[in-house]
Amino acid sequence: MKLILLLTIFVFFFASSIYSAETCEDYGTFCESWKKNGFCEMCFYKCDVRVKYCPKTCGFCDPTKCVDCPPRATEH
């Protein structure tokens, strides 16, 4: 039980540091190429994906700067 609690605490602190501005770094290896191809603005990828892999390159060290595209209207 103590091991599970320790692991949970470790994961919580590790995950929260991923998005802190002090440690902002890209986790994708091709972020510069992806940015040139529109990854940072592309509606195909939701913000959680763009912020997770390329926050520094895309300018999303503050995750609130990324805005998901509005859903497309469907024609009936």
PDB file of N, CA and C in Angstrom:
ATOM      1  N   MET A   1       0.822  -1.192   0.000  1.00  0.00           N
ATOM      2  CA  MET A   1       0.000   0.000   0.000  1.00  0.00           C
ATOM      3  C   MET A   1       0.870   1.262   0.000  1.00  0.00           C
ATOM      4  N   LYS A   2       1.931   1.254   0.810  1.00  0.00           N
ATOM      5  CA  LYS A   2       2.817   2.414   0.862  1.00  0.00           C
ATOM      6  C   LYS A   2       3.503   2.632  -0.478  1.00  0.00           C
ATOM      7  N   LEU A   3       3.837   1.538  -1.144  1.00  0.00           N
ATOM      8  CA  LEU A   3       4.490   1.638  -2.453  1.00  0.00           C
ATOM      9  C   LEU A   3       3.564   2.311  -3.462  1.00  0.00           C
ATOM     10  N   ILE A   4       2.310   1.938  -3.454  1.00  0.00           N
ATOM     11  CA  ILE A   4       1.339   2.544  -4.371  1.00  0.00           C
ATOM     12  C   ILE A   4       1.202   4.036  -4.082  1.00  0.00           C
ATOM     13  N   LEU A   5       1.154   4.393  -2.828  1.00  0.00           N
ATOM     14  CA  LEU A   5       1.052   5.799  -2.447  1.00  0.00           C
ATOM     15  C   LEU A   5       2.283   6.575  -2.905  1.00  0.00           C
ATOM     16  N   LEU A   6       3.467   6.015  -2.690  1.00  0.00           N
ATOM     17  CA  LEU A   6       4.697   6.676  -3.122  1.00  0.00           C
ATOM     18  C   LEU A   6       4.750   6.825  -4.637  1.00  0.00           C
ATOM     19  N   LEU A   7       4.353   5.794  -5.360  1.00  0.00           N
ATOM     20  CA  LEU A   7       4.330   5.872  -6.825  1.00  0.00           C
ATOM     21  C   LEU A   7       3.340   6.925  -7.306  1.00  0.00           C
ATOM     22  N   THR A   8       2.190   6.991  -6.676  1.00  0.00           N
ATOM     23  CA  THR A   8       1.187   7.985  -7.046  1.00  0.00           C
ATOM     24  C   THR A   8       1.721   9.398  -6.826  1.00  0.00           C
ATOM     25  N   ILE A   9       2.358   9.621  -5.705  1.00  0.00           N
ATOM     26  CA  ILE A   9       2.929  10.943  -5.418  1.00  0.00           C
ATOM     27  C   ILE A   9       4.015  11.285  -6.427  1.00  0.00           C
ATOM     28  N   PHE A  10       4.882  10.324  -6.726  1.00  0.00           N
ATOM     29  CA  PHE A  10       5.957  10.547  -7.696  1.00  0.00           C
ATOM     30  C   PHE A  10       5.388  10.913  -9.063  1.00  0.00           C
ATOM     31  N   VAL A  11       4.409  10.160  -9.529  1.00  0.00           N
ATOM     32  CA  VAL A  11       3.803  10.424 -10.837  1.00  0.00           C
ATOM     33  C   VAL A  11       3.139  11.795 -10.847  1.00  0.00           C
ATOM     34  N   PHE A  12       2.458  12.151  -9.784  1.00  0.00           N
ATOM     35  CA  PHE A  12       1.800  13.453  -9.709  1.00  0.00           C
ATOM     36  C   PHE A  12       2.809  14.585  -9.848  1.00  0.00           C
ATOM     37  N   PHE A  13       3.886  14.523  -9.095  1.00  0.00           N
ATOM     38  CA  PHE A  13       4.884  15.591  -9.154  1.00  0.00           C
ATOM     39  C   PHE A  13       5.624  15.604 -10.480  1.00  0.00           C
ATOM     40  N   PHE A  14       5.914  14.441 -11.041  1.00  0.00           N
ATOM     41  CA  PHE A  14       6.590  14.384 -12.334  1.00  0.00           C
ATOM     42  C   PHE A  14       5.696  14.961 -13.422  1.00  0.00           C
ATOM     43  N   ALA A  15       4.435  14.572 -13.436  1.00  0.00           N
ATOM     44  CA  ALA A  15       3.511  15.052 -14.466  1.00  0.00           C
ATOM     45  C   ALA A  15       3.297  16.554 -14.357  1.00  0.00           C
ATOM     46  N   SER A  16       3.220  17.082 -13.166  1.00  0.00           N
ATOM     47  CA  SER A  16       2.995  18.518 -13.029  1.00  0.00           C
ATOM     48  C   SER A  16       4.206  19.320 -13.473  1.00  0.00           C
ATOM     49  N   SER A  17       5.405  18.754 -13.384  1.00  0.00           N
ATOM     50  CA  SER A  17       6.597  19.493 -13.805  1.00  0.00           C
ATOM     51  C   SER A  17       6.742  19.537 -15.318  1.00  0.00           C
ATOM     52  N   ILE A  18       6.087  18.641 -16.036  1.00  0.00           N
ATOM     53  CA  ILE A  18       6.181  18.627 -17.495  1.00  0.00           C
ATOM     54  C   ILE A  18       5.672  19.942 -18.069  1.00  0.00           C
ATOM     55  N   TYR A  19       4.621  20.486 -17.501  1.00  0.00           N
ATOM     56  CA  TYR A  19       4.010  21.677 -18.059  1.00  0.00           C
ATOM     57  C   TYR A  19       4.439  22.973 -17.381  1.00  0.00           C
ATOM     58  N   SER A  20       5.400  22.918 -16.476  1.00  0.00           N
ATOM     59  CA  SER A  20       5.802  24.163 -15.829  1.00  0.00           C
ATOM     60  C   SER A  20       6.685  24.972 -16.761  1.00  0.00           C
ATOM     61  N   ALA A  21       6.526  26.266 -16.719  1.00  0.00           N
ATOM     62  CA  ALA A  21       7.282  27.152 -17.607  1.00  0.00           C
ATOM     63  C   ALA A  21       8.781  27.064 -17.352  1.00  0.00           C
ATOM     64  N   GLU A  22       9.189  26.764 -16.125  1.00  0.00           N
ATOM     65  CA  GLU A  22      10.613  26.688 -15.806  1.00  0.00           C
ATOM     66  C   GLU A  22      11.293  25.529 -16.533  1.00  0.00           C
ATOM     67  N   THR A  23      10.568  24.459 -16.778  1.00  0.00           N
ATOM     68  CA  THR A  23      11.159  23.284 -17.417  1.00  0.00           C
ATOM     69  C   THR A  23      10.588  23.058 -18.809  1.00  0.00           C
ATOM     70  N   CYS A  24      10.175  24.109 -19.451  1.00  0.00           N
ATOM     71  CA  CYS A  24       9.546  23.975 -20.762  1.00  0.00           C
ATOM     72  C   CYS A  24      10.549  23.439 -21.775  1.00  0.00           C
ATOM     73  N   GLU A  25      10.273  22.264 -22.292  1.00  0.00           N
ATOM     74  CA  GLU A  25      11.110  21.686 -23.331  1.00  0.00           C
ATOM     75  C   GLU A  25      10.258  20.785 -24.205  1.00  0.00           C
ATOM     76  N   ASP A  26      10.710  20.583 -25.408  1.00  0.00           N
ATOM     77  CA  ASP A  26       9.991  19.730 -26.350  1.00  0.00           C
ATOM     78  C   ASP A  26      10.278  18.263 -26.057  1.00  0.00           C
ATOM     79  N   TYR A  27       9.270  17.422 -26.245  1.00  0.00           N
ATOM     80  CA  TYR A  27       9.437  15.987 -26.084  1.00  0.00           C
ATOM     81  C   TYR A  27       9.383  15.282 -27.432  1.00  0.00           C
ATOM     82  N   GLY A  28       8.954  15.997 -28.459  1.00  0.00           N
ATOM     83  CA  GLY A  28       8.987  15.463 -29.814  1.00  0.00           C
ATOM     84  C   GLY A  28      10.357  15.737 -30.412  1.00  0.00           C
ATOM     85  N   THR A  29      10.880  14.801 -31.188  1.00  0.00           N
ATOM     86  CA  THR A  29      12.219  14.974 -31.755  1.00  0.00           C
ATOM     87  C   THR A  29      12.210  15.775 -33.051  1.00  0.00           C
ATOM     88  N   PHE A  30      11.047  15.990 -33.633  1.00  0.00           N
ATOM     89  CA  PHE A  30      10.958  16.682 -34.922  1.00  0.00           C
ATOM     90  C   PHE A  30      10.132  17.962 -34.834  1.00  0.00           C
ATOM     91  N   CYS A  31      10.106  18.610 -33.689  1.00  0.00           N
ATOM     92  CA  CYS A  31       9.238  19.772 -33.478  1.00  0.00           C
ATOM     93  C   CYS A  31       9.489  20.904 -34.466  1.00  0.00           C
ATOM     94  N   GLU A  32      10.731  21.177 -34.785  1.00  0.00           N
ATOM     95  CA  GLU A  32      11.020  22.259 -35.743  1.00  0.00           C
ATOM     96  C   GLU A  32      10.407  21.945 -37.105  1.00  0.00           C
ATOM     97  N   SER A  33      10.559  20.713 -37.575  1.00  0.00           N
ATOM     98  CA  SER A  33       9.953  20.308 -38.854  1.00  0.00           C
ATOM     99  C   SER A  33       8.439  20.346 -38.772  1.00  0.00           C
ATOM    100  N   TRP A  34       7.905  19.841 -37.674  1.00  0.00           N
ATOM    101  CA  TRP A  34       6.461  19.819 -37.511  1.00  0.00           C
ATOM    102  C   TRP A  34       5.898  21.231 -37.524  1.00  0.00           C
ATOM    103  N   LYS A  35       6.600  22.164 -36.866  1.00  0.00           N
ATOM    104  CA  LYS A  35       6.131  23.552 -36.844  1.00  0.00           C
ATOM    105  C   LYS A  35       6.097  24.121 -38.259  1.00  0.00           C
ATOM    106  N   LYS A  36       7.137  23.854 -39.046  1.00  0.00           N
ATOM    107  CA  LYS A  36       7.179  24.336 -40.433  1.00  0.00           C
ATOM    108  C   LYS A  36       6.029  23.769 -41.253  1.00  0.00           C
ATOM    109  N   ASN A  37       5.567  22.578 -40.889  1.00  0.00           N
ATOM    110  CA  ASN A  37       4.462  21.938 -41.603  1.00  0.00           C
ATOM    111  C   ASN A  37       3.097  22.260 -41.000  1.00  0.00           C
ATOM    112  N   GLY A  38       3.047  23.171 -40.008  1.00  0.00           N
ATOM    113  CA  GLY A  38       1.770  23.630 -39.469  1.00  0.00           C
ATOM    114  C   GLY A  38       1.274  22.935 -38.217  1.00  0.00           C
ATOM    115  N   PHE A  39       2.089  22.072 -37.622  1.00  0.00           N
ATOM    116  CA  PHE A  39       1.663  21.313 -36.443  1.00  0.00           C
ATOM    117  C   PHE A  39       1.129  22.209 -35.326  1.00  0.00           C
ATOM    118  N   CYS A  40       1.761  23.340 -35.100  1.00  0.00           N
ATOM    119  CA  CYS A  40       1.395  24.197 -33.967  1.00  0.00           C
ATOM    120  C   CYS A  40       0.026  24.849 -34.134  1.00  0.00           C
ATOM    121  N   GLU A  41      -0.446  24.985 -35.357  1.00  0.00           N
ATOM    122  CA  GLU A  41      -1.743  25.615 -35.613  1.00  0.00           C
ATOM    123  C   GLU A  41      -2.772  24.643 -36.175  1.00  0.00           C
ATOM    124  N   MET A  42      -2.361  23.433 -36.485  1.00  0.00           N
ATOM    125  CA  MET A  42      -3.211  22.479 -37.187  1.00  0.00           C
ATOM    126  C   MET A  42      -4.387  22.010 -36.325  1.00  0.00           C
ATOM    127  N   CYS A  43      -5.581  22.126 -36.854  1.00  0.00           N
ATOM    128  CA  CYS A  43      -6.780  21.718 -36.125  1.00  0.00           C
ATOM    129  C   CYS A  43      -6.902  20.200 -35.998  1.00  0.00           C
ATOM    130  N   PHE A  44      -6.158  19.460 -36.796  1.00  0.00           N
ATOM    131  CA  PHE A  44      -6.214  18.002 -36.719  1.00  0.00           C
ATOM    132  C   PHE A  44      -5.753  17.514 -35.345  1.00  0.00           C
ATOM    133  N   TYR A  45      -4.776  18.224 -34.746  1.00  0.00           N
ATOM    134  CA  TYR A  45      -4.247  17.848 -33.438  1.00  0.00           C
ATOM    135  C   TYR A  45      -4.836  18.740 -32.357  1.00  0.00           C
ATOM    136  N   LYS A  46      -5.352  18.137 -31.304  1.00  0.00           N
ATOM    137  CA  LYS A  46      -5.888  18.912 -30.184  1.00  0.00           C
ATOM    138  C   LYS A  46      -4.733  19.513 -29.388  1.00  0.00           C
ATOM    139  N   CYS A  47      -5.048  20.523 -28.598  1.00  0.00           N
ATOM    140  CA  CYS A  47      -4.025  21.213 -27.800  1.00  0.00           C
ATOM    141  C   CYS A  47      -3.265  20.271 -26.880  1.00  0.00           C
ATOM    142  N   ASP A  48      -3.943  19.298 -26.290  1.00  0.00           N
ATOM    143  CA  ASP A  48      -3.224  18.425 -25.365  1.00  0.00           C
ATOM    144  C   ASP A  48      -2.067  17.709 -26.052  1.00  0.00           C
ATOM    145  N   VAL A  49      -2.218  17.377 -27.331  1.00  0.00           N
ATOM    146  CA  VAL A  49      -1.145  16.723 -28.086  1.00  0.00           C
ATOM    147  C   VAL A  49      -0.045  17.725 -28.425  1.00  0.00           C
ATOM    148  N   ARG A  50      -0.430  18.899 -28.911  1.00  0.00           N
ATOM    149  CA  ARG A  50       0.564  19.916 -29.287  1.00  0.00           C
ATOM    150  C   ARG A  50       1.360  20.395 -28.077  1.00  0.00           C
ATOM    151  N   VAL A  51       0.680  20.587 -26.943  1.00  0.00           N
ATOM    152  CA  VAL A  51       1.350  21.034 -25.719  1.00  0.00           C
ATOM    153  C   VAL A  51       2.247  19.928 -25.162  1.00  0.00           C
ATOM    154  N   LYS A  52       1.821  18.688 -25.296  1.00  0.00           N
ATOM    155  CA  LYS A  52       2.603  17.566 -24.760  1.00  0.00           C
ATOM    156  C   LYS A  52       3.930  17.394 -25.499  1.00  0.00           C
ATOM    157  N   TYR A  53       3.915  17.451 -26.819  1.00  0.00           N
ATOM    158  CA  TYR A  53       5.110  17.123 -27.590  1.00  0.00           C
ATOM    159  C   TYR A  53       6.006  18.311 -27.925  1.00  0.00           C
ATOM    160  N   CYS A  54       5.447  19.471 -28.199  1.00  0.00           N
ATOM    161  CA  CYS A  54       6.269  20.603 -28.670  1.00  0.00           C
ATOM    162  C   CYS A  54       5.922  21.934 -28.003  1.00  0.00           C
ATOM    163  N   PRO A  55       5.858  21.996 -26.683  1.00  0.00           N
ATOM    164  CA  PRO A  55       5.466  23.260 -26.053  1.00  0.00           C
ATOM    165  C   PRO A  55       6.445  24.397 -26.316  1.00  0.00           C
ATOM    166  N   LYS A  56       7.728  24.122 -26.295  1.00  0.00           N
ATOM    167  CA  LYS A  56       8.727  25.180 -26.477  1.00  0.00           C
ATOM    168  C   LYS A  56       8.698  25.716 -27.902  1.00  0.00           C
ATOM    169  N   THR A  57       8.743  24.829 -28.876  1.00  0.00           N
ATOM    170  CA  THR A  57       8.763  25.230 -30.280  1.00  0.00           C
ATOM    171  C   THR A  57       7.485  25.956 -30.678  1.00  0.00           C
ATOM    172  N   CYS A  58       6.353  25.482 -30.178  1.00  0.00           N
ATOM    173  CA  CYS A  58       5.067  26.073 -30.553  1.00  0.00           C
ATOM    174  C   CYS A  58       4.694  27.289 -29.705  1.00  0.00           C
ATOM    175  N   GLY A  59       5.464  27.573 -28.666  1.00  0.00           N
ATOM    176  CA  GLY A  59       5.143  28.714 -27.809  1.00  0.00           C
ATOM    177  C   GLY A  59       4.053  28.416 -26.805  1.00  0.00           C
ATOM    178  N   PHE A  60       3.949  27.156 -26.392  1.00  0.00           N
ATOM    179  CA  PHE A  60       2.911  26.737 -25.459  1.00  0.00           C
ATOM    180  C   PHE A  60       3.468  26.356 -24.092  1.00  0.00           C
ATOM    181  N   CYS A  61       4.540  27.015 -23.644  1.00  0.00           N
ATOM    182  CA  CYS A  61       5.049  26.737 -22.298  1.00  0.00           C
ATOM    183  C   CYS A  61       3.973  27.061 -21.271  1.00  0.00           C
ATOM    184  N   ASP A  62       3.140  28.035 -21.586  1.00  0.00           N
ATOM    185  CA  ASP A  62       1.920  28.292 -20.829  1.00  0.00           C
ATOM    186  C   ASP A  62       0.823  27.610 -21.641  1.00  0.00           C
ATOM    187  N   PRO A  63       0.348  26.429 -21.197  1.00  0.00           N
ATOM    188  CA  PRO A  63      -0.611  25.653 -21.990  1.00  0.00           C
ATOM    189  C   PRO A  63      -1.883  26.405 -22.345  1.00  0.00           C
ATOM    190  N   THR A  64      -2.216  27.463 -21.600  1.00  0.00           N
ATOM    191  CA  THR A  64      -3.439  28.209 -21.904  1.00  0.00           C
ATOM    192  C   THR A  64      -3.301  29.022 -23.189  1.00  0.00           C
ATOM    193  N   LYS A  65      -2.087  29.151 -23.711  1.00  0.00           N
ATOM    194  CA  LYS A  65      -1.875  29.884 -24.971  1.00  0.00           C
ATOM    195  C   LYS A  65      -2.338  29.070 -26.180  1.00  0.00           C
ATOM    196  N   CYS A  66      -2.473  27.771 -25.998  1.00  0.00           N
ATOM    197  CA  CYS A  66      -2.955  26.906 -27.077  1.00  0.00           C
ATOM    198  C   CYS A  66      -4.482  26.887 -27.034  1.00  0.00           C
ATOM    199  N   VAL A  67      -5.095  27.123 -28.171  1.00  0.00           N
ATOM    200  CA  VAL A  67      -6.557  27.146 -28.252  1.00  0.00           C
ATOM    201  C   VAL A  67      -7.004  26.106 -29.267  1.00  0.00           C
ATOM    202  N   ASP A  68      -7.871  25.195 -28.816  1.00  0.00           N
ATOM    203  CA  ASP A  68      -8.413  24.193 -29.734  1.00  0.00           C
ATOM    204  C   ASP A  68      -9.315  24.868 -30.752  1.00  0.00           C
ATOM    205  N   CYS A  69      -9.331  24.323 -31.933  1.00  0.00           N
ATOM    206  CA  CYS A  69     -10.199  24.842 -32.991  1.00  0.00           C
ATOM    207  C   CYS A  69     -11.648  24.509 -32.656  1.00  0.00           C
ATOM    208  N   PRO A  70     -12.570  25.379 -33.037  1.00  0.00           N
ATOM    209  CA  PRO A  70     -13.981  25.075 -32.786  1.00  0.00           C
ATOM    210  C   PRO A  70     -14.405  23.878 -33.626  1.00  0.00           C
ATOM    211  N   PRO A  71     -15.375  23.116 -33.134  1.00  0.00           N
ATOM    212  CA  PRO A  71     -15.847  21.973 -33.919  1.00  0.00           C
ATOM    213  C   PRO A  71     -16.448  22.446 -35.235  1.00  0.00           C
ATOM    214  N   ARG A  72     -16.246  21.654 -36.250  1.00  0.00           N
ATOM    215  CA  ARG A  72     -16.794  22.004 -37.568  1.00  0.00           C
ATOM    216  C   ARG A  72     -18.281  21.711 -37.599  1.00  0.00           C
ATOM    217  N   ALA A  73     -19.012  22.586 -38.236  1.00  0.00           N
ATOM    218  CA  ALA A  73     -20.449  22.368 -38.390  1.00  0.00           C
ATOM    219  C   ALA A  73     -20.663  21.237 -39.383  1.00  0.00           C
ATOM    220  N   THR A  74     -21.591  20.374 -39.075  1.00  0.00           N
ATOM    221  CA  THR A  74     -21.893  19.273 -39.989  1.00  0.00           C
ATOM    222  C   THR A  74     -23.122  19.633 -40.798  1.00  0.00           C
ATOM    223  N   GLU A  75     -23.079  19.296 -42.055  1.00  0.00           N
ATOM    224  CA  GLU A  75     -24.222  19.566 -42.931  1.00  0.00           C
ATOM    225  C   GLU A  75     -25.156  18.376 -42.895  1.00  0.00           C
ATOM    226  N   HIS A  76     -26.440  18.662 -42.888  1.00  0.00           N
ATOM    227  CA  HIS A  76     -27.445  17.586 -42.846  1.00  0.00           C
ATOM    228  C   HIS A  76     -28.115  17.450 -44.168  1.00  0.00           C
TER     229      HIS A  76
END
